[in-house]
């Protein structure tokens, strides 16, 4: 019986220690997660002003998903005046911390020169970071850049690899892009977005 009491006391002590650590370090993370979820709910209701406020609260606390969503709202001018410089700041913060959707969008921005100087080499770097984390649309666009030679030398084998990975991950890749013959004709046809 004494052994059980000692074990029980140990478990309670450990639980109290973790609770203290949780209160010290986890409180702001929980608040950020709650704010993120409240922002998502507001966004779904098309209450963009509230969504921006909640995303700002969560993003300021370091939540990378909130940073990404806030960047998208600044870029689109939803609930706030469009400001591509602020959008780029939040997108870069989220992408730099490894959030695949932000890496993908930042890659597209570099590819098209949206809010940043057009730079196909940087675009490929960001697309690859997202694609390596199985972001299916980044995989698709990486296939496109290898098929067309934007920011990298043309490489049909590499294009085929990325198109097939994107397709396997659920991206609606045109069937022609899943063969070398189709990729070779890519320059002749209009490129479609998935």
C-alpha atoms as a PDB file:
ATOM      1  CA  UNK A   1       0.000   0.000   0.000  1.00  0.00           C
ATOM      2  CA  UNK A   2       2.870   2.409   0.771  1.00  0.00           C
ATOM      3  CA  UNK A   3       4.276   1.763  -2.712  1.00  0.00           C
ATOM      4  CA  UNK A   4       0.987   2.751  -4.341  1.00  0.00           C
ATOM      5  CA  UNK A   5       0.823   5.898  -2.221  1.00  0.00           C
ATOM      6  CA  UNK A   6       4.376   6.829  -3.199  1.00  0.00           C
ATOM      7  CA  UNK A   7       3.626   6.159  -6.871  1.00  0.00           C
ATOM      8  CA  UNK A   8       0.415   8.167  -6.635  1.00  0.00           C
ATOM      9  CA  UNK A   9       2.256  11.051  -4.974  1.00  0.00           C
ATOM     10  CA  UNK A  10       4.881  10.899  -7.708  1.00  0.00           C
ATOM     11  CA  UNK A  11       2.230  11.021 -10.445  1.00  0.00           C
ATOM     12  CA  UNK A  12       0.508  13.967  -8.766  1.00  0.00           C
ATOM     13  CA  UNK A  13       3.831  15.781  -8.345  1.00  0.00           C
ATOM     14  CA  UNK A  14       4.720  15.257 -12.008  1.00  0.00           C
ATOM     15  CA  UNK A  15       1.251  16.391 -13.057  1.00  0.00           C
ATOM     16  CA  UNK A  16       1.582  19.557 -10.982  1.00  0.00           C
ATOM     17  CA  UNK A  17       5.008  20.289 -12.465  1.00  0.00           C
ATOM     18  CA  UNK A  18       3.653  19.893 -16.002  1.00  0.00           C
ATOM     19  CA  UNK A  19       0.622  22.015 -15.122  1.00  0.00           C
ATOM     20  CA  UNK A  20       2.966  24.775 -13.927  1.00  0.00           C
ATOM     21  CA  UNK A  21       5.060  24.558 -17.077  1.00  0.00           C
ATOM     22  CA  UNK A  22       1.874  24.568 -19.146  1.00  0.00           C
ATOM     23  CA  UNK A  23       0.638  27.696 -17.372  1.00  0.00           C
ATOM     24  CA  UNK A  24       3.961  29.451 -17.873  1.00  0.00           C
ATOM     25  CA  UNK A  25       4.636  28.512 -21.490  1.00  0.00           C
ATOM     26  CA  UNK A  26       1.381  27.266 -22.962  1.00  0.00           C
ATOM     27  CA  UNK A  27      -1.055  29.970 -22.009  1.00  0.00           C
ATOM     28  CA  UNK A  28      -0.178  32.300 -24.885  1.00  0.00           C
ATOM     29  CA  UNK A  29      -0.152  29.353 -27.296  1.00  0.00           C
ATOM     30  CA  UNK A  30      -3.645  28.372 -26.199  1.00  0.00           C
ATOM     31  CA  UNK A  31      -4.864  31.961 -26.529  1.00  0.00           C
ATOM     32  CA  UNK A  32      -3.327  32.092 -30.016  1.00  0.00           C
ATOM     33  CA  UNK A  33      -5.019  28.848 -31.024  1.00  0.00           C
ATOM     34  CA  UNK A  34      -8.376  30.042 -29.659  1.00  0.00           C
ATOM     35  CA  UNK A  35      -7.986  33.341 -31.540  1.00  0.00           C
ATOM     36  CA  UNK A  36      -7.108  31.421 -34.717  1.00  0.00           C
ATOM     37  CA  UNK A  37     -10.249  29.289 -34.412  1.00  0.00           C
ATOM     38  CA  UNK A  38     -12.386  32.340 -33.678  1.00  0.00           C
ATOM     39  CA  UNK A  39     -10.888  33.979 -36.760  1.00  0.00           C
ATOM     40  CA  UNK A  40     -11.747  30.934 -38.881  1.00  0.00           C
ATOM     41  CA  UNK A  41     -15.340  30.971 -37.612  1.00  0.00           C
ATOM     42  CA  UNK A  42     -15.673  34.689 -38.331  1.00  0.00           C
ATOM     43  CA  UNK A  43     -14.149  34.215 -41.795  1.00  0.00           C
ATOM     44  CA  UNK A  44     -16.583  31.394 -42.588  1.00  0.00           C
ATOM     45  CA  UNK A  45     -19.428  33.751 -41.641  1.00  0.00           C
ATOM     46  CA  UNK A  46     -17.878  36.379 -43.939  1.00  0.00           C
ATOM     47  CA  UNK A  47     -17.272  38.629 -40.926  1.00  0.00           C
ATOM     48  CA  UNK A  48     -13.886  39.659 -42.291  1.00  0.00           C
ATOM     49  CA  UNK A  49     -13.328  42.539 -39.874  1.00  0.00           C
ATOM     50  CA  UNK A  50     -13.566  40.189 -36.876  1.00  0.00           C
ATOM     51  CA  UNK A  51     -11.521  37.553 -38.688  1.00  0.00           C
ATOM     52  CA  UNK A  52      -8.698  40.058 -39.268  1.00  0.00           C
ATOM     53  CA  UNK A  53      -8.723  41.086 -35.595  1.00  0.00           C
ATOM     54  CA  UNK A  54      -8.556  37.494 -34.393  1.00  0.00           C
ATOM     55  CA  UNK A  55      -5.882  36.537 -36.916  1.00  0.00           C
ATOM     56  CA  UNK A  56      -3.840  39.589 -35.903  1.00  0.00           C
ATOM     57  CA  UNK A  57      -4.068  38.544 -32.260  1.00  0.00           C
ATOM     58  CA  UNK A  58      -2.987  34.988 -33.032  1.00  0.00           C
ATOM     59  CA  UNK A  59      -0.335  35.985 -35.589  1.00  0.00           C
ATOM     60  CA  UNK A  60       1.281  38.424 -33.154  1.00  0.00           C
ATOM     61  CA  UNK A  61       1.648  35.504 -30.747  1.00  0.00           C
ATOM     62  CA  UNK A  62       3.569  33.546 -33.372  1.00  0.00           C
ATOM     63  CA  UNK A  63       0.855  31.241 -34.774  1.00  0.00           C
ATOM     64  CA  UNK A  64       2.049  30.424 -38.315  1.00  0.00           C
ATOM     65  CA  UNK A  65      -1.392  29.432 -39.618  1.00  0.00           C
ATOM     66  CA  UNK A  66      -2.803  32.780 -38.435  1.00  0.00           C
ATOM     67  CA  UNK A  67       0.137  34.604 -40.025  1.00  0.00           C
ATOM     68  CA  UNK A  68      -0.642  32.880 -43.324  1.00  0.00           C
ATOM     69  CA  UNK A  69      -4.360  33.648 -43.151  1.00  0.00           C
ATOM     70  CA  UNK A  70      -3.703  37.253 -42.161  1.00  0.00           C
ATOM     71  CA  UNK A  71      -1.312  37.635 -45.094  1.00  0.00           C
ATOM     72  CA  UNK A  72      -3.976  36.335 -47.465  1.00  0.00           C
ATOM     73  CA  UNK A  73      -6.523  38.800 -46.078  1.00  0.00           C
ATOM     74  CA  UNK A  74      -4.133  41.744 -46.441  1.00  0.00           C
ATOM     75  CA  UNK A  75      -3.305  40.642 -49.968  1.00  0.00           C
ATOM     76  CA  UNK A  76      -6.966  40.330 -50.953  1.00  0.00           C
ATOM     77  CA  UNK A  77      -8.143  43.360 -48.980  1.00  0.00           C
ATOM     78  CA  UNK A  78     -10.686  41.341 -47.011  1.00  0.00           C
ATOM     79  CA  UNK A  79     -11.799  43.096 -43.839  1.00  0.00           C
ATOM     80  CA  UNK A  80      -8.909  45.523 -44.119  1.00  0.00           C
ATOM     81  CA  UNK A  81      -7.358  47.744 -46.769  1.00  0.00           C
ATOM     82  CA  UNK A  82      -5.222  45.779 -49.188  1.00  0.00           C
ATOM     83  CA  UNK A  83      -1.564  46.158 -48.276  1.00  0.00           C
ATOM     84  CA  UNK A  84       0.814  43.875 -50.125  1.00  0.00           C
ATOM     85  CA  UNK A  85       3.825  44.953 -48.036  1.00  0.00           C
ATOM     86  CA  UNK A  86       2.131  43.815 -44.813  1.00  0.00           C
ATOM     87  CA  UNK A  87       0.834  40.715 -46.574  1.00  0.00           C
ATOM     88  CA  UNK A  88       4.374  39.867 -47.678  1.00  0.00           C
ATOM     89  CA  UNK A  89       5.704  40.412 -44.141  1.00  0.00           C
ATOM     90  CA  UNK A  90       3.244  37.922 -42.614  1.00  0.00           C
ATOM     91  CA  UNK A  91       3.540  35.433 -45.499  1.00  0.00           C
ATOM     92  CA  UNK A  92       7.338  35.472 -45.236  1.00  0.00           C
ATOM     93  CA  UNK A  93       7.140  34.981 -41.451  1.00  0.00           C
ATOM     94  CA  UNK A  94       4.854  31.973 -41.804  1.00  0.00           C
ATOM     95  CA  UNK A  95       6.814  30.501 -44.726  1.00  0.00           C
ATOM     96  CA  UNK A  96      10.124  31.019 -42.933  1.00  0.00           C
ATOM     97  CA  UNK A  97       8.818  28.959 -40.031  1.00  0.00           C
ATOM     98  CA  UNK A  98       8.021  26.067 -42.380  1.00  0.00           C
ATOM     99  CA  UNK A  99       4.273  26.418 -43.040  1.00  0.00           C
ATOM    100  CA  UNK A 100       3.728  24.709 -46.443  1.00  0.00           C
ATOM    101  CA  UNK A 101       0.719  26.764 -47.644  1.00  0.00           C
ATOM    102  CA  UNK A 102       2.674  29.986 -46.980  1.00  0.00           C
ATOM    103  CA  UNK A 103       5.757  28.614 -48.728  1.00  0.00           C
ATOM    104  CA  UNK A 104       3.610  27.710 -51.731  1.00  0.00           C
ATOM    105  CA  UNK A 105       1.947  31.135 -51.944  1.00  0.00           C
ATOM    106  CA  UNK A 106       5.250  32.951 -51.482  1.00  0.00           C
ATOM    107  CA  UNK A 107       6.628  30.844 -54.341  1.00  0.00           C
ATOM    108  CA  UNK A 108       3.699  31.897 -56.538  1.00  0.00           C
ATOM    109  CA  UNK A 109       4.206  35.544 -55.572  1.00  0.00           C
ATOM    110  CA  UNK A 110       7.846  35.345 -56.677  1.00  0.00           C
ATOM    111  CA  UNK A 111       6.836  33.551 -59.867  1.00  0.00           C
ATOM    112  CA  UNK A 112       4.306  36.261 -60.781  1.00  0.00           C
ATOM    113  CA  UNK A 113       5.946  39.272 -59.090  1.00  0.00           C
ATOM    114  CA  UNK A 114       3.029  39.877 -56.711  1.00  0.00           C
ATOM    115  CA  UNK A 115       4.143  42.141 -53.860  1.00  0.00           C
ATOM    116  CA  UNK A 116       7.761  41.100 -54.411  1.00  0.00           C
ATOM    117  CA  UNK A 117      10.188  41.504 -57.280  1.00  0.00           C
ATOM    118  CA  UNK A 118       9.658  38.728 -59.781  1.00  0.00           C
ATOM    119  CA  UNK A 119      12.343  36.100 -59.196  1.00  0.00           C
ATOM    120  CA  UNK A 120      11.857  32.654 -60.690  1.00  0.00           C
ATOM    121  CA  UNK A 121      14.853  31.184 -58.845  1.00  0.00           C
ATOM    122  CA  UNK A 122      13.430  32.235 -55.463  1.00  0.00           C
ATOM    123  CA  UNK A 123      10.021  31.034 -56.614  1.00  0.00           C
ATOM    124  CA  UNK A 124      11.413  27.556 -57.233  1.00  0.00           C
ATOM    125  CA  UNK A 125      13.145  27.560 -53.831  1.00  0.00           C
ATOM    126  CA  UNK A 126       9.872  28.294 -52.008  1.00  0.00           C
ATOM    127  CA  UNK A 127       7.832  25.922 -54.157  1.00  0.00           C
ATOM    128  CA  UNK A 128      10.328  23.138 -53.459  1.00  0.00           C
ATOM    129  CA  UNK A 129      10.154  23.737 -49.687  1.00  0.00           C
ATOM    130  CA  UNK A 130       6.377  23.356 -49.806  1.00  0.00           C
ATOM    131  CA  UNK A 131       6.467  20.470 -52.289  1.00  0.00           C
ATOM    132  CA  UNK A 132       8.937  18.557 -50.124  1.00  0.00           C
ATOM    133  CA  UNK A 133       6.300  18.739 -47.373  1.00  0.00           C
ATOM    134  CA  UNK A 134       3.714  17.184 -49.725  1.00  0.00           C
ATOM    135  CA  UNK A 135       1.863  20.413 -50.535  1.00  0.00           C
ATOM    136  CA  UNK A 136       0.124  19.090 -53.654  1.00  0.00           C
ATOM    137  CA  UNK A 137      -0.342  22.405 -55.456  1.00  0.00           C
ATOM    138  CA  UNK A 138       3.313  23.288 -54.897  1.00  0.00           C
ATOM    139  CA  UNK A 139       4.213  19.892 -56.377  1.00  0.00           C
ATOM    140  CA  UNK A 140       2.052  20.682 -59.397  1.00  0.00           C
ATOM    141  CA  UNK A 141       3.633  24.098 -59.915  1.00  0.00           C
ATOM    142  CA  UNK A 142       7.097  22.641 -59.447  1.00  0.00           C
ATOM    143  CA  UNK A 143       6.210  20.230 -62.249  1.00  0.00           C
ATOM    144  CA  UNK A 144       5.222  23.228 -64.380  1.00  0.00           C
ATOM    145  CA  UNK A 145       8.476  25.073 -63.779  1.00  0.00           C
ATOM    146  CA  UNK A 146      10.531  22.002 -64.689  1.00  0.00           C
ATOM    147  CA  UNK A 147       8.378  21.366 -67.760  1.00  0.00           C
ATOM    148  CA  UNK A 148       8.689  24.955 -68.981  1.00  0.00           C
ATOM    149  CA  UNK A 149      12.144  25.866 -67.673  1.00  0.00           C
ATOM    150  CA  UNK A 150      11.058  28.801 -65.483  1.00  0.00           C
ATOM    151  CA  UNK A 151      13.751  29.352 -62.855  1.00  0.00           C
ATOM    152  CA  UNK A 152      15.351  25.975 -63.582  1.00  0.00           C
ATOM    153  CA  UNK A 153      16.639  24.207 -66.685  1.00  0.00           C
ATOM    154  CA  UNK A 154      13.895  22.301 -68.513  1.00  0.00           C
ATOM    155  CA  UNK A 155      13.774  18.768 -67.175  1.00  0.00           C
ATOM    156  CA  UNK A 156      10.890  16.554 -68.349  1.00  0.00           C
ATOM    157  CA  UNK A 157      11.892  13.737 -65.975  1.00  0.00           C
ATOM    158  CA  UNK A 158      11.795  16.059 -62.966  1.00  0.00           C
ATOM    159  CA  UNK A 159       8.518  17.579 -64.197  1.00  0.00           C
ATOM    160  CA  UNK A 160       6.995  14.111 -64.513  1.00  0.00           C
ATOM    161  CA  UNK A 161       8.137  13.214 -60.995  1.00  0.00           C
ATOM    162  CA  UNK A 162       6.450  16.285 -59.482  1.00  0.00           C
ATOM    163  CA  UNK A 163       3.268  15.937 -61.540  1.00  0.00           C
ATOM    164  CA  UNK A 164       2.935  12.315 -60.456  1.00  0.00           C
ATOM    165  CA  UNK A 165       3.520  13.200 -56.791  1.00  0.00           C
ATOM    166  CA  UNK A 166       0.931  15.982 -57.027  1.00  0.00           C
ATOM    167  CA  UNK A 167      -1.561  13.609 -58.607  1.00  0.00           C
ATOM    168  CA  UNK A 168      -0.907  10.935 -55.966  1.00  0.00           C
ATOM    169  CA  UNK A 169      -1.589  13.582 -53.290  1.00  0.00           C
ATOM    170  CA  UNK A 170      -4.961  14.470 -54.801  1.00  0.00           C
ATOM    171  CA  UNK A 171      -4.139  17.398 -57.074  1.00  0.00           C
ATOM    172  CA  UNK A 172      -6.218  17.325 -60.279  1.00  0.00           C
ATOM    173  CA  UNK A 173      -3.280  17.103 -62.705  1.00  0.00           C
ATOM    174  CA  UNK A 174      -4.249  16.969 -66.404  1.00  0.00           C
ATOM    175  CA  UNK A 175      -3.669  13.432 -67.720  1.00  0.00           C
ATOM    176  CA  UNK A 176      -1.389  14.745 -70.465  1.00  0.00           C
ATOM    177  CA  UNK A 177       1.036  15.955 -67.800  1.00  0.00           C
ATOM    178  CA  UNK A 178       1.446  12.438 -66.431  1.00  0.00           C
ATOM    179  CA  UNK A 179       3.425  11.222 -69.445  1.00  0.00           C
ATOM    180  CA  UNK A 180       6.685  12.402 -71.011  1.00  0.00           C
ATOM    181  CA  UNK A 181       4.905  12.840 -74.345  1.00  0.00           C
ATOM    182  CA  UNK A 182       2.314  15.113 -72.751  1.00  0.00           C
ATOM    183  CA  UNK A 183       4.996  17.137 -70.997  1.00  0.00           C
ATOM    184  CA  UNK A 184       6.873  17.575 -74.267  1.00  0.00           C
ATOM    185  CA  UNK A 185       3.726  19.148 -75.739  1.00  0.00           C
ATOM    186  CA  UNK A 186       3.270  21.400 -72.711  1.00  0.00           C
ATOM    187  CA  UNK A 187       4.867  24.378 -74.430  1.00  0.00           C
ATOM    188  CA  UNK A 188       2.396  24.086 -77.306  1.00  0.00           C
ATOM    189  CA  UNK A 189      -0.776  24.002 -75.198  1.00  0.00           C
ATOM    190  CA  UNK A 190      -2.326  26.409 -72.723  1.00  0.00           C
ATOM    191  CA  UNK A 191      -1.239  25.616 -69.171  1.00  0.00           C
ATOM    192  CA  UNK A 192      -4.161  25.065 -66.821  1.00  0.00           C
ATOM    193  CA  UNK A 193      -4.260  25.660 -63.084  1.00  0.00           C
ATOM    194  CA  UNK A 194      -5.477  22.746 -60.995  1.00  0.00           C
END
